[in-house]
Structures are given as structure tokens and as C-alpha cells.
Amino acid sequence: MIECESLENVRENIDRIDREIVKLISERSCYVRQAARFKKTTDDVKAPDRVEQVIATKRAYAKEIGLDPDMIERIYRTIISCFIDQELKEHESMIGKYNDARK
């Protein structure tokens, strides 16, 4: 971590980190779209047990590095919800294409 000399310097570093976060979210999105191929039902997409497993591991990691686990849980629940919506759309599209091909 860089020790900042001004508010402008703080903002530059936050902006730099945010660009990396967005890039990583984009990469995660690619894997989410791929995951839809392997799931047979919308329940498989929603996977509540998997969601809770992910939340638990992120909370544990947050505690390990001294970050507020409640904040991380809120962030990850939002991220996961958005990605489930994306994956449901992808899954629905794949089912539609499969049904069209069978006609």
C-alpha cells in the first residue's frame, strides 16, 4: 500500500484499484456464463448451498486479513445476486436455443 500525500493521490489510487476490480468482475462474468452450460435447471443456477459456502469462505478470509466480514458479506451477496441474474438469463437463452433446435 502506498502512503498518500494528498486527497488527490488517495483518489488516484482508489480509481486505480476500482479499474482492477471492474476488470476482475469482467473476468468473473466470463466464468459465470460458462457455468450456465453445466447446469440443468434454474435451481442449479441459484444453488443456495453454494452461495452460503462462498459467503462463509469470504467472511473467513475477511477476518483473516482484518477486514469487516459483515461488509464483505453484503458486498458478496450483491455480487452473487447480480451474477445469478446474469447466469439465469444465459441459462434461459441456452434452453431456448436447445428447444428451437429440437423443433
PDB file of N, CA and C in Angstrom:
ATOM      1  N   MET A   1       0.837  -1.171   0.000  1.00  0.00           N
ATOM      2  CA  MET A   1       0.000   0.000   0.000  1.00  0.00           C
ATOM      3  C   MET A   1       0.890   1.245   0.000  1.00  0.00           C
ATOM      4  N   ILE A   2       0.450   2.226  -0.749  1.00  0.00           N
ATOM      5  CA  ILE A   2       1.195   3.473  -0.886  1.00  0.00           C
ATOM      6  C   ILE A   2       0.698   4.475   0.148  1.00  0.00           C
ATOM      7  N   GLU A   3       1.617   5.163   0.806  1.00  0.00           N
ATOM      8  CA  GLU A   3       1.256   6.244   1.724  1.00  0.00           C
ATOM      9  C   GLU A   3       0.998   7.489   0.882  1.00  0.00           C
ATOM     10  N   CYS A   4      -0.223   7.998   0.927  1.00  0.00           N
ATOM     11  CA  CYS A   4      -0.618   9.125   0.085  1.00  0.00           C
ATOM     12  C   CYS A   4      -0.249  10.453   0.725  1.00  0.00           C
ATOM     13  N   GLU A   5       0.071  11.403  -0.158  1.00  0.00           N
ATOM     14  CA  GLU A   5       0.477  12.745   0.279  1.00  0.00           C
ATOM     15  C   GLU A   5      -0.655  13.756   0.158  1.00  0.00           C
ATOM     16  N   SER A   6      -1.754  13.373  -0.528  1.00  0.00           N
ATOM     17  CA  SER A   6      -2.857  14.313  -0.728  1.00  0.00           C
ATOM     18  C   SER A   6      -4.143  13.536  -1.005  1.00  0.00           C
ATOM     19  N   LEU A   7      -5.270  14.236  -0.917  1.00  0.00           N
ATOM     20  CA  LEU A   7      -6.561  13.632  -1.251  1.00  0.00           C
ATOM     21  C   LEU A   7      -6.577  13.216  -2.721  1.00  0.00           C
ATOM     22  N   GLU A   8      -5.979  14.010  -3.565  1.00  0.00           N
ATOM     23  CA  GLU A   8      -5.896  13.671  -4.998  1.00  0.00           C
ATOM     24  C   GLU A   8      -5.160  12.348  -5.189  1.00  0.00           C
ATOM     25  N   ASN A   9      -4.084  12.164  -4.453  1.00  0.00           N
ATOM     26  CA  ASN A   9      -3.315  10.933  -4.528  1.00  0.00           C
ATOM     27  C   ASN A   9      -4.146   9.741  -4.029  1.00  0.00           C
ATOM     28  N   VAL A  10      -4.917   9.948  -2.977  1.00  0.00           N
ATOM     29  CA  VAL A  10      -5.825   8.908  -2.466  1.00  0.00           C
ATOM     30  C   VAL A  10      -6.819   8.524  -3.555  1.00  0.00           C
ATOM     31  N   ARG A  11      -7.424   9.526  -4.172  1.00  0.00           N
ATOM     32  CA  ARG A  11      -8.435   9.265  -5.214  1.00  0.00           C
ATOM     33  C   ARG A  11      -7.825   8.564  -6.419  1.00  0.00           C
ATOM     34  N   GLU A  12      -6.630   8.933  -6.806  1.00  0.00           N
ATOM     35  CA  GLU A  12      -5.957   8.268  -7.925  1.00  0.00           C
ATOM     36  C   GLU A  12      -5.770   6.780  -7.625  1.00  0.00           C
ATOM     37  N   ASN A  13      -5.376   6.474  -6.399  1.00  0.00           N
ATOM     38  CA  ASN A  13      -5.167   5.080  -6.022  1.00  0.00           C
ATOM     39  C   ASN A  13      -6.481   4.312  -5.942  1.00  0.00           C
ATOM     40  N   ILE A  14      -7.516   4.962  -5.423  1.00  0.00           N
ATOM     41  CA  ILE A  14      -8.833   4.308  -5.402  1.00  0.00           C
ATOM     42  C   ILE A  14      -9.309   4.037  -6.821  1.00  0.00           C
ATOM     43  N   ASP A  15      -9.138   5.012  -7.715  1.00  0.00           N
ATOM     44  CA  ASP A  15      -9.528   4.824  -9.121  1.00  0.00           C
ATOM     45  C   ASP A  15      -8.751   3.679  -9.761  1.00  0.00           C
ATOM     46  N   ARG A  16      -7.469   3.587  -9.465  1.00  0.00           N
ATOM     47  CA  ARG A  16      -6.630   2.506  -9.995  1.00  0.00           C
ATOM     48  C   ARG A  16      -7.152   1.149  -9.503  1.00  0.00           C
ATOM     49  N   ILE A  17      -7.450   1.070  -8.239  1.00  0.00           N
ATOM     50  CA  ILE A  17      -7.971  -0.175  -7.668  1.00  0.00           C
ATOM     51  C   ILE A  17      -9.337  -0.504  -8.261  1.00  0.00           C
ATOM     52  N   ASP A  18     -10.194   0.504  -8.414  1.00  0.00           N
ATOM     53  CA  ASP A  18     -11.523   0.274  -8.989  1.00  0.00           C
ATOM     54  C   ASP A  18     -11.440  -0.273 -10.412  1.00  0.00           C
ATOM     55  N   ARG A  19     -10.485   0.226 -11.195  1.00  0.00           N
ATOM     56  CA  ARG A  19     -10.305  -0.320 -12.555  1.00  0.00           C
ATOM     57  C   ARG A  19      -9.968  -1.812 -12.485  1.00  0.00           C
ATOM     58  N   GLU A  20      -9.113  -2.176 -11.557  1.00  0.00           N
ATOM     59  CA  GLU A  20      -8.749  -3.590 -11.394  1.00  0.00           C
ATOM     60  C   GLU A  20      -9.945  -4.416 -10.939  1.00  0.00           C
ATOM     61  N   ILE A  21     -10.742  -3.869 -10.027  1.00  0.00           N
ATOM     62  CA  ILE A  21     -11.935  -4.573  -9.561  1.00  0.00           C
ATOM     63  C   ILE A  21     -12.889  -4.823 -10.721  1.00  0.00           C
ATOM     64  N   VAL A  22     -13.123  -3.798 -11.538  1.00  0.00           N
ATOM     65  CA  VAL A  22     -14.027  -3.944 -12.685  1.00  0.00           C
ATOM     66  C   VAL A  22     -13.478  -4.986 -13.659  1.00  0.00           C
ATOM     67  N   LYS A  23     -12.172  -4.967 -13.879  1.00  0.00           N
ATOM     68  CA  LYS A  23     -11.556  -5.960 -14.770  1.00  0.00           C
ATOM     69  C   LYS A  23     -11.758  -7.374 -14.213  1.00  0.00           C
ATOM     70  N   LEU A  24     -11.599  -7.543 -12.922  1.00  0.00           N
ATOM     71  CA  LEU A  24     -11.790  -8.853 -12.307  1.00  0.00           C
ATOM     72  C   LEU A  24     -13.258  -9.284 -12.337  1.00  0.00           C
ATOM     73  N   ILE A  25     -14.167  -8.337 -12.170  1.00  0.00           N
ATOM     74  CA  ILE A  25     -15.594  -8.661 -12.277  1.00  0.00           C
ATOM     75  C   ILE A  25     -15.912  -9.113 -13.699  1.00  0.00           C
ATOM     76  N   SER A  26     -15.308  -8.475 -14.677  1.00  0.00           N
ATOM     77  CA  SER A  26     -15.492  -8.887 -16.065  1.00  0.00           C
ATOM     78  C   SER A  26     -14.996 -10.314 -16.276  1.00  0.00           C
ATOM     79  N   GLU A  27     -13.843 -10.616 -15.726  1.00  0.00           N
ATOM     80  CA  GLU A  27     -13.303 -11.973 -15.842  1.00  0.00           C
ATOM     81  C   GLU A  27     -14.232 -12.970 -15.148  1.00  0.00           C
ATOM     82  N   ARG A  28     -14.716 -12.622 -13.973  1.00  0.00           N
ATOM     83  CA  ARG A  28     -15.641 -13.497 -13.239  1.00  0.00           C
ATOM     84  C   ARG A  28     -16.895 -13.747 -14.080  1.00  0.00           C
ATOM     85  N   SER A  29     -17.362 -12.693 -14.754  1.00  0.00           N
ATOM     86  CA  SER A  29     -18.550 -12.782 -15.599  1.00  0.00           C
ATOM     87  C   SER A  29     -18.383 -13.827 -16.702  1.00  0.00           C
ATOM     88  N   CYS A  30     -17.201 -13.907 -17.277  1.00  0.00           N
ATOM     89  CA  CYS A  30     -16.932 -14.906 -18.319  1.00  0.00           C
ATOM     90  C   CYS A  30     -17.095 -16.325 -17.771  1.00  0.00           C
ATOM     91  N   TYR A  31     -16.627 -16.543 -16.562  1.00  0.00           N
ATOM     92  CA  TYR A  31     -16.757 -17.871 -15.955  1.00  0.00           C
ATOM     93  C   TYR A  31     -18.202 -18.170 -15.571  1.00  0.00           C
ATOM     94  N   VAL A  32     -18.934 -17.155 -15.145  1.00  0.00           N
ATOM     95  CA  VAL A  32     -20.348 -17.349 -14.821  1.00  0.00           C
ATOM     96  C   VAL A  32     -21.115 -17.783 -16.062  1.00  0.00           C
ATOM     97  N   ARG A  33     -20.846 -17.135 -17.195  1.00  0.00           N
ATOM     98  CA  ARG A  33     -21.518 -17.528 -18.437  1.00  0.00           C
ATOM     99  C   ARG A  33     -21.182 -18.976 -18.799  1.00  0.00           C
ATOM    100  N   GLN A  34     -19.949 -19.375 -18.579  1.00  0.00           N
ATOM    101  CA  GLN A  34     -19.568 -20.758 -18.857  1.00  0.00           C
ATOM    102  C   GLN A  34     -20.271 -21.728 -17.917  1.00  0.00           C
ATOM    103  N   ALA A  35     -20.423 -21.328 -16.665  1.00  0.00           N
ATOM    104  CA  ALA A  35     -21.045 -22.210 -15.673  1.00  0.00           C
ATOM    105  C   ALA A  35     -22.466 -22.587 -16.085  1.00  0.00           C
ATOM    106  N   ALA A  36     -23.158 -21.682 -16.748  1.00  0.00           N
ATOM    107  CA  ALA A  36     -24.540 -21.949 -17.166  1.00  0.00           C
ATOM    108  C   ALA A  36     -24.628 -23.190 -18.059  1.00  0.00           C
ATOM    109  N   ARG A  37     -23.582 -23.469 -18.800  1.00  0.00           N
ATOM    110  CA  ARG A  37     -23.578 -24.647 -19.690  1.00  0.00           C
ATOM    111  C   ARG A  37     -23.664 -25.960 -18.920  1.00  0.00           C
ATOM    112  N   PHE A  38     -23.205 -25.964 -17.697  1.00  0.00           N
ATOM    113  CA  PHE A  38     -23.108 -27.188 -16.920  1.00  0.00           C
ATOM    114  C   PHE A  38     -24.282 -27.400 -15.977  1.00  0.00           C
ATOM    115  N   LYS A  39     -25.217 -26.475 -15.974  1.00  0.00           N
ATOM    116  CA  LYS A  39     -26.331 -26.550 -15.043  1.00  0.00           C
ATOM    117  C   LYS A  39     -27.613 -26.881 -15.791  1.00  0.00           C
ATOM    118  N   LYS A  40     -28.335 -27.847 -15.268  1.00  0.00           N
ATOM    119  CA  LYS A  40     -29.524 -28.356 -15.956  1.00  0.00           C
ATOM    120  C   LYS A  40     -30.788 -27.554 -15.645  1.00  0.00           C
ATOM    121  N   THR A  41     -30.902 -27.030 -14.429  1.00  0.00           N
ATOM    122  CA  THR A  41     -32.130 -26.354 -14.012  1.00  0.00           C
ATOM    123  C   THR A  41     -31.823 -24.978 -13.421  1.00  0.00           C
ATOM    124  N   THR A  42     -32.881 -24.192 -13.272  1.00  0.00           N
ATOM    125  CA  THR A  42     -32.702 -22.891 -12.627  1.00  0.00           C
ATOM    126  C   THR A  42     -32.319 -23.054 -11.158  1.00  0.00           C
ATOM    127  N   ASP A  43     -32.766 -24.132 -10.524  1.00  0.00           N
ATOM    128  CA  ASP A  43     -32.342 -24.389  -9.140  1.00  0.00           C
ATOM    129  C   ASP A  43     -30.834 -24.631  -9.072  1.00  0.00           C
ATOM    130  N   ASP A  44     -30.294 -25.295 -10.093  1.00  0.00           N
ATOM    131  CA  ASP A  44     -28.840 -25.493 -10.159  1.00  0.00           C
ATOM    132  C   ASP A  44     -28.126 -24.142 -10.270  1.00  0.00           C
ATOM    133  N   VAL A  45     -28.723 -23.220 -11.002  1.00  0.00           N
ATOM    134  CA  VAL A  45     -28.135 -21.886 -11.162  1.00  0.00           C
ATOM    135  C   VAL A  45     -28.176 -21.137  -9.832  1.00  0.00           C
ATOM    136  N   LYS A  46     -29.299 -21.180  -9.157  1.00  0.00           N
ATOM    137  CA  LYS A  46     -29.457 -20.440  -7.895  1.00  0.00           C
ATOM    138  C   LYS A  46     -28.592 -21.013  -6.773  1.00  0.00           C
ATOM    139  N   ALA A  47     -28.451 -22.304  -6.710  1.00  0.00           N
ATOM    140  CA  ALA A  47     -27.554 -23.026  -5.797  1.00  0.00           C
ATOM    141  C   ALA A  47     -27.383 -22.367  -4.424  1.00  0.00           C
ATOM    142  N   PRO A  48     -28.443 -22.309  -3.628  1.00  0.00           N
ATOM    143  CA  PRO A  48     -28.336 -21.620  -2.337  1.00  0.00           C
ATOM    144  C   PRO A  48     -27.265 -22.186  -1.408  1.00  0.00           C
ATOM    145  N   ASP A  49     -27.041 -23.487  -1.446  1.00  0.00           N
ATOM    146  CA  ASP A  49     -25.978 -24.063  -0.600  1.00  0.00           C
ATOM    147  C   ASP A  49     -24.606 -23.541  -1.021  1.00  0.00           C
ATOM    148  N   ARG A  50     -24.396 -23.438  -2.324  1.00  0.00           N
ATOM    149  CA  ARG A  50     -23.128 -22.920  -2.835  1.00  0.00           C
ATOM    150  C   ARG A  50     -22.963 -21.446  -2.460  1.00  0.00           C
ATOM    151  N   VAL A  51     -24.048 -20.682  -2.544  1.00  0.00           N
ATOM    152  CA  VAL A  51     -23.989 -19.267  -2.166  1.00  0.00           C
ATOM    153  C   VAL A  51     -23.516 -19.144  -0.722  1.00  0.00           C
ATOM    154  N   GLU A  52     -24.107 -19.926   0.168  1.00  0.00           N
ATOM    155  CA  GLU A  52     -23.732 -19.843   1.587  1.00  0.00           C
ATOM    156  C   GLU A  52     -22.293 -20.295   1.814  1.00  0.00           C
ATOM    157  N   GLN A  53     -21.847 -21.265   1.031  1.00  0.00           N
ATOM    158  CA  GLN A  53     -20.452 -21.712   1.126  1.00  0.00           C
ATOM    159  C   GLN A  53     -19.501 -20.574   0.714  1.00  0.00           C
ATOM    160  N   VAL A  54     -19.819 -19.915  -0.380  1.00  0.00           N
ATOM    161  CA  VAL A  54     -18.994 -18.801  -0.857  1.00  0.00           C
ATOM    162  C   VAL A  54     -18.970 -17.684   0.188  1.00  0.00           C
ATOM    163  N   ILE A  55     -20.132 -17.353   0.724  1.00  0.00           N
ATOM    164  CA  ILE A  55     -20.207 -16.291   1.738  1.00  0.00           C
ATOM    165  C   ILE A  55     -19.351 -16.652   2.945  1.00  0.00           C
ATOM    166  N   ALA A  56     -19.457 -17.877   3.407  1.00  0.00           N
ATOM    167  CA  ALA A  56     -18.690 -18.309   4.583  1.00  0.00           C
ATOM    168  C   ALA A  56     -17.185 -18.204   4.340  1.00  0.00           C
ATOM    169  N   THR A  57     -16.732 -18.616   3.149  1.00  0.00           N
ATOM    170  CA  THR A  57     -15.292 -18.554   2.878  1.00  0.00           C
ATOM    171  C   THR A  57     -14.814 -17.111   2.752  1.00  0.00           C
ATOM    172  N   LYS A  58     -15.638 -16.243   2.169  1.00  0.00           N
ATOM    173  CA  LYS A  58     -15.245 -14.830   2.032  1.00  0.00           C
ATOM    174  C   LYS A  58     -15.235 -14.147   3.399  1.00  0.00           C
ATOM    175  N   ARG A  59     -16.188 -14.474   4.251  1.00  0.00           N
ATOM    176  CA  ARG A  59     -16.198 -13.915   5.612  1.00  0.00           C
ATOM    177  C   ARG A  59     -14.942 -14.343   6.366  1.00  0.00           C
ATOM    178  N   ALA A  60     -14.606 -15.620   6.256  1.00  0.00           N
ATOM    179  CA  ALA A  60     -13.422 -16.134   6.957  1.00  0.00           C
ATOM    180  C   ALA A  60     -12.162 -15.434   6.457  1.00  0.00           C
ATOM    181  N   TYR A  61     -12.057 -15.260   5.149  1.00  0.00           N
ATOM    182  CA  TYR A  61     -10.884 -14.590   4.591  1.00  0.00           C
ATOM    183  C   TYR A  61     -10.821 -13.135   5.050  1.00  0.00           C
ATOM    184  N   ALA A  62     -11.983 -12.471   5.074  1.00  0.00           N
ATOM    185  CA  ALA A  62     -12.022 -11.080   5.543  1.00  0.00           C
ATOM    186  C   ALA A  62     -11.506 -10.982   6.983  1.00  0.00           C
ATOM    187  N   LYS A  63     -11.967 -11.876   7.836  1.00  0.00           N
ATOM    188  CA  LYS A  63     -11.498 -11.879   9.233  1.00  0.00           C
ATOM    189  C   LYS A  63      -9.989 -12.093   9.286  1.00  0.00           C
ATOM    190  N   GLU A  64      -9.511 -13.022   8.461  1.00  0.00           N
ATOM    191  CA  GLU A  64      -8.083 -13.364   8.426  1.00  0.00           C
ATOM    192  C   GLU A  64      -7.213 -12.146   8.102  1.00  0.00           C
ATOM    193  N   ILE A  65      -7.696 -11.291   7.204  1.00  0.00           N
ATOM    194  CA  ILE A  65      -6.880 -10.140   6.790  1.00  0.00           C
ATOM    195  C   ILE A  65      -7.274  -8.843   7.502  1.00  0.00           C
ATOM    196  N   GLY A  66      -8.166  -8.951   8.490  1.00  0.00           N
ATOM    197  CA  GLY A  66      -8.525  -7.787   9.283  1.00  0.00           C
ATOM    198  C   GLY A  66      -9.554  -6.867   8.662  1.00  0.00           C
ATOM    199  N   LEU A  67     -10.414  -7.425   7.815  1.00  0.00           N
ATOM    200  CA  LEU A  67     -11.456  -6.648   7.155  1.00  0.00           C
ATOM    201  C   LEU A  67     -12.803  -7.012   7.779  1.00  0.00           C
ATOM    202  N   ASP A  68     -13.733  -6.080   7.780  1.00  0.00           N
ATOM    203  CA  ASP A  68     -15.054  -6.303   8.366  1.00  0.00           C
ATOM    204  C   ASP A  68     -15.801  -7.390   7.582  1.00  0.00           C
ATOM    205  N   PRO A  69     -16.033  -8.566   8.193  1.00  0.00           N
ATOM    206  CA  PRO A  69     -16.704  -9.651   7.480  1.00  0.00           C
ATOM    207  C   PRO A  69     -18.152  -9.334   7.115  1.00  0.00           C
ATOM    208  N   ASP A  70     -18.824  -8.495   7.921  1.00  0.00           N
ATOM    209  CA  ASP A  70     -20.204  -8.121   7.587  1.00  0.00           C
ATOM    210  C   ASP A  70     -20.249  -7.302   6.297  1.00  0.00           C
ATOM    211  N   MET A  71     -19.287  -6.399   6.130  1.00  0.00           N
ATOM    212  CA  MET A  71     -19.220  -5.599   4.912  1.00  0.00           C
ATOM    213  C   MET A  71     -18.964  -6.507   3.709  1.00  0.00           C
ATOM    214  N   ILE A  72     -18.023  -7.425   3.848  1.00  0.00           N
ATOM    215  CA  ILE A  72     -17.708  -8.346   2.749  1.00  0.00           C
ATOM    216  C   ILE A  72     -18.913  -9.209   2.412  1.00  0.00           C
ATOM    217  N   GLU A  73     -19.640  -9.654   3.422  1.00  0.00           N
ATOM    218  CA  GLU A  73     -20.844 -10.451   3.157  1.00  0.00           C
ATOM    219  C   GLU A  73     -21.852  -9.650   2.346  1.00  0.00           C
ATOM    220  N   ARG A  74     -22.095  -8.404   2.738  1.00  0.00           N
ATOM    221  CA  ARG A  74     -23.048  -7.570   1.989  1.00  0.00           C
ATOM    222  C   ARG A  74     -22.601  -7.384   0.545  1.00  0.00           C
ATOM    223  N   ILE A  75     -21.321  -7.115   0.359  1.00  0.00           N
ATOM    224  CA  ILE A  75     -20.782  -6.927  -0.997  1.00  0.00           C
ATOM    225  C   ILE A  75     -20.949  -8.207  -1.807  1.00  0.00           C
ATOM    226  N   TYR A  76     -20.568  -9.331  -1.230  1.00  0.00           N
ATOM    227  CA  TYR A  76     -20.634 -10.592  -1.969  1.00  0.00           C
ATOM    228  C   TYR A  76     -22.063 -11.043  -2.231  1.00  0.00           C
ATOM    229  N   ARG A  77     -22.971 -10.779  -1.321  1.00  0.00           N
ATOM    230  CA  ARG A  77     -24.374 -11.129  -1.595  1.00  0.00           C
ATOM    231  C   ARG A  77     -24.891 -10.334  -2.790  1.00  0.00           C
ATOM    232  N   THR A  78     -24.493  -9.073  -2.890  1.00  0.00           N
ATOM    233  CA  THR A  78     -24.891  -8.259  -4.039  1.00  0.00           C
ATOM    234  C   THR A  78     -24.251  -8.785  -5.319  1.00  0.00           C
ATOM    235  N   ILE A  79     -22.950  -9.052  -5.271  1.00  0.00           N
ATOM    236  CA  ILE A  79     -22.245  -9.586  -6.443  1.00  0.00           C
ATOM    237  C   ILE A  79     -22.890 -10.889  -6.900  1.00  0.00           C
ATOM    238  N   ILE A  80     -23.099 -11.800  -5.955  1.00  0.00           N
ATOM    239  CA  ILE A  80     -23.654 -13.114  -6.299  1.00  0.00           C
ATOM    240  C   ILE A  80     -25.058 -12.966  -6.877  1.00  0.00           C
ATOM    241  N   SER A  81     -25.870 -12.105  -6.288  1.00  0.00           N
ATOM    242  CA  SER A  81     -27.228 -11.889  -6.800  1.00  0.00           C
ATOM    243  C   SER A  81     -27.194 -11.394  -8.246  1.00  0.00           C
ATOM    244  N   CYS A  82     -26.312 -10.443  -8.522  1.00  0.00           N
ATOM    245  CA  CYS A  82     -26.184  -9.933  -9.895  1.00  0.00           C
ATOM    246  C   CYS A  82     -25.736 -11.027 -10.856  1.00  0.00           C
ATOM    247  N   PHE A  83     -24.781 -11.839 -10.424  1.00  0.00           N
ATOM    248  CA  PHE A  83     -24.289 -12.899 -11.294  1.00  0.00           C
ATOM    249  C   PHE A  83     -25.305 -14.024 -11.459  1.00  0.00           C
ATOM    250  N   ILE A  84     -26.105 -14.302 -10.439  1.00  0.00           N
ATOM    251  CA  ILE A  84     -27.172 -15.297 -10.599  1.00  0.00           C
ATOM    252  C   ILE A  84     -28.161 -14.805 -11.641  1.00  0.00           C
ATOM    253  N   ASP A  85     -28.521 -13.520 -11.591  1.00  0.00           N
ATOM    254  CA  ASP A  85     -29.414 -12.959 -12.609  1.00  0.00           C
ATOM    255  C   ASP A  85     -28.815 -13.133 -14.004  1.00  0.00           C
ATOM    256  N   GLN A  86     -27.528 -12.841 -14.140  1.00  0.00           N
ATOM    257  CA  GLN A  86     -26.854 -12.995 -15.436  1.00  0.00           C
ATOM    258  C   GLN A  86     -26.867 -14.456 -15.880  1.00  0.00           C
ATOM    259  N   GLU A  87     -26.560 -15.338 -14.955  1.00  0.00           N
ATOM    260  CA  GLU A  87     -26.491 -16.757 -15.298  1.00  0.00           C
ATOM    261  C   GLU A  87     -27.873 -17.307 -15.640  1.00  0.00           C
ATOM    262  N   LEU A  88     -28.908 -16.836 -14.955  1.00  0.00           N
ATOM    263  CA  LEU A  88     -30.268 -17.275 -15.286  1.00  0.00           C
ATOM    264  C   LEU A  88     -30.636 -16.860 -16.710  1.00  0.00           C
ATOM    265  N   LYS A  89     -30.257 -15.639 -17.094  1.00  0.00           N
ATOM    266  CA  LYS A  89     -30.521 -15.195 -18.468  1.00  0.00           C
ATOM    267  C   LYS A  89     -29.757 -16.062 -19.470  1.00  0.00           C
ATOM    268  N   GLU A  90     -28.516 -16.350 -19.160  1.00  0.00           N
ATOM    269  CA  GLU A  90     -27.695 -17.192 -20.037  1.00  0.00           C
ATOM    270  C   GLU A  90     -28.289 -18.595 -20.118  1.00  0.00           C
ATOM    271  N   HIS A  91     -28.689 -19.121 -19.004  1.00  0.00           N
ATOM    272  CA  HIS A  91     -29.281 -20.464 -18.943  1.00  0.00           C
ATOM    273  C   HIS A  91     -30.581 -20.496 -19.744  1.00  0.00           C
ATOM    274  N   GLU A  92     -31.419 -19.484 -19.560  1.00  0.00           N
ATOM    275  CA  GLU A  92     -32.686 -19.398 -20.284  1.00  0.00           C
ATOM    276  C   GLU A  92     -32.445 -19.327 -21.793  1.00  0.00           C
ATOM    277  N   SER A  93     -31.449 -18.557 -22.188  1.00  0.00           N
ATOM    278  CA  SER A  93     -31.101 -18.441 -23.599  1.00  0.00           C
ATOM    279  C   SER A  93     -30.654 -19.785 -24.171  1.00  0.00           C
ATOM    280  N   MET A  94     -29.860 -20.503 -23.405  1.00  0.00           N
ATOM    281  CA  MET A  94     -29.374 -21.813 -23.862  1.00  0.00           C
ATOM    282  C   MET A  94     -30.520 -22.799 -23.975  1.00  0.00           C
ATOM    283  N   ILE A  95     -31.443 -22.780 -23.024  1.00  0.00           N
ATOM    284  CA  ILE A  95     -32.607 -23.672 -23.065  1.00  0.00           C
ATOM    285  C   ILE A  95     -33.456 -23.333 -24.285  1.00  0.00           C
ATOM    286  N   GLY A  96     -33.637 -22.033 -24.541  1.00  0.00           N
ATOM    287  CA  GLY A  96     -34.409 -21.603 -25.707  1.00  0.00           C
ATOM    288  C   GLY A  96     -33.770 -22.071 -27.007  1.00  0.00           C
ATOM    289  N   LYS A  97     -32.465 -21.949 -27.118  1.00  0.00           N
ATOM    290  CA  LYS A  97     -31.760 -22.408 -28.323  1.00  0.00           C
ATOM    291  C   LYS A  97     -31.878 -23.923 -28.472  1.00  0.00           C
ATOM    292  N   TYR A  98     -31.784 -24.639 -27.364  1.00  0.00           N
ATOM    293  CA  TYR A  98     -31.903 -26.102 -27.385  1.00  0.00           C
ATOM    294  C   TYR A  98     -33.301 -26.500 -27.853  1.00  0.00           C
ATOM    295  N   ASN A  99     -34.311 -25.839 -27.316  1.00  0.00           N
ATOM    296  CA  ASN A  99     -35.700 -26.158 -27.709  1.00  0.00           C
ATOM    297  C   ASN A  99     -35.956 -25.800 -29.161  1.00  0.00           C
ATOM    298  N   ASP A 100     -35.389 -24.692 -29.632  1.00  0.00           N
ATOM    299  CA  ASP A 100     -35.539 -24.314 -31.048  1.00  0.00           C
ATOM    300  C   ASP A 100     -34.889 -25.349 -31.954  1.00  0.00           C
ATOM    301  N   ALA A 101     -33.764 -25.861 -31.556  1.00  0.00           N
ATOM    302  CA  ALA A 101     -33.038 -26.847 -32.364  1.00  0.00           C
ATOM    303  C   ALA A 101     -33.795 -28.164 -32.436  1.00  0.00           C
ATOM    304  N   ARG A 102     -34.592 -28.470 -31.437  1.00  0.00           N
ATOM    305  CA  ARG A 102     -35.338 -29.724 -31.401  1.00  0.00           C
ATOM    306  C   ARG A 102     -36.583 -29.678 -32.262  1.00  0.00           C
ATOM    307  N   LYS A 103     -37.015 -28.473 -32.684  1.00  0.00           N
ATOM    308  CA  LYS A 103     -38.243 -28.330 -33.479  1.00  0.00           C
ATOM    309  C   LYS A 103     -38.032 -28.771 -34.891  1.00  0.00           C
TER     310      LYS A 103
END
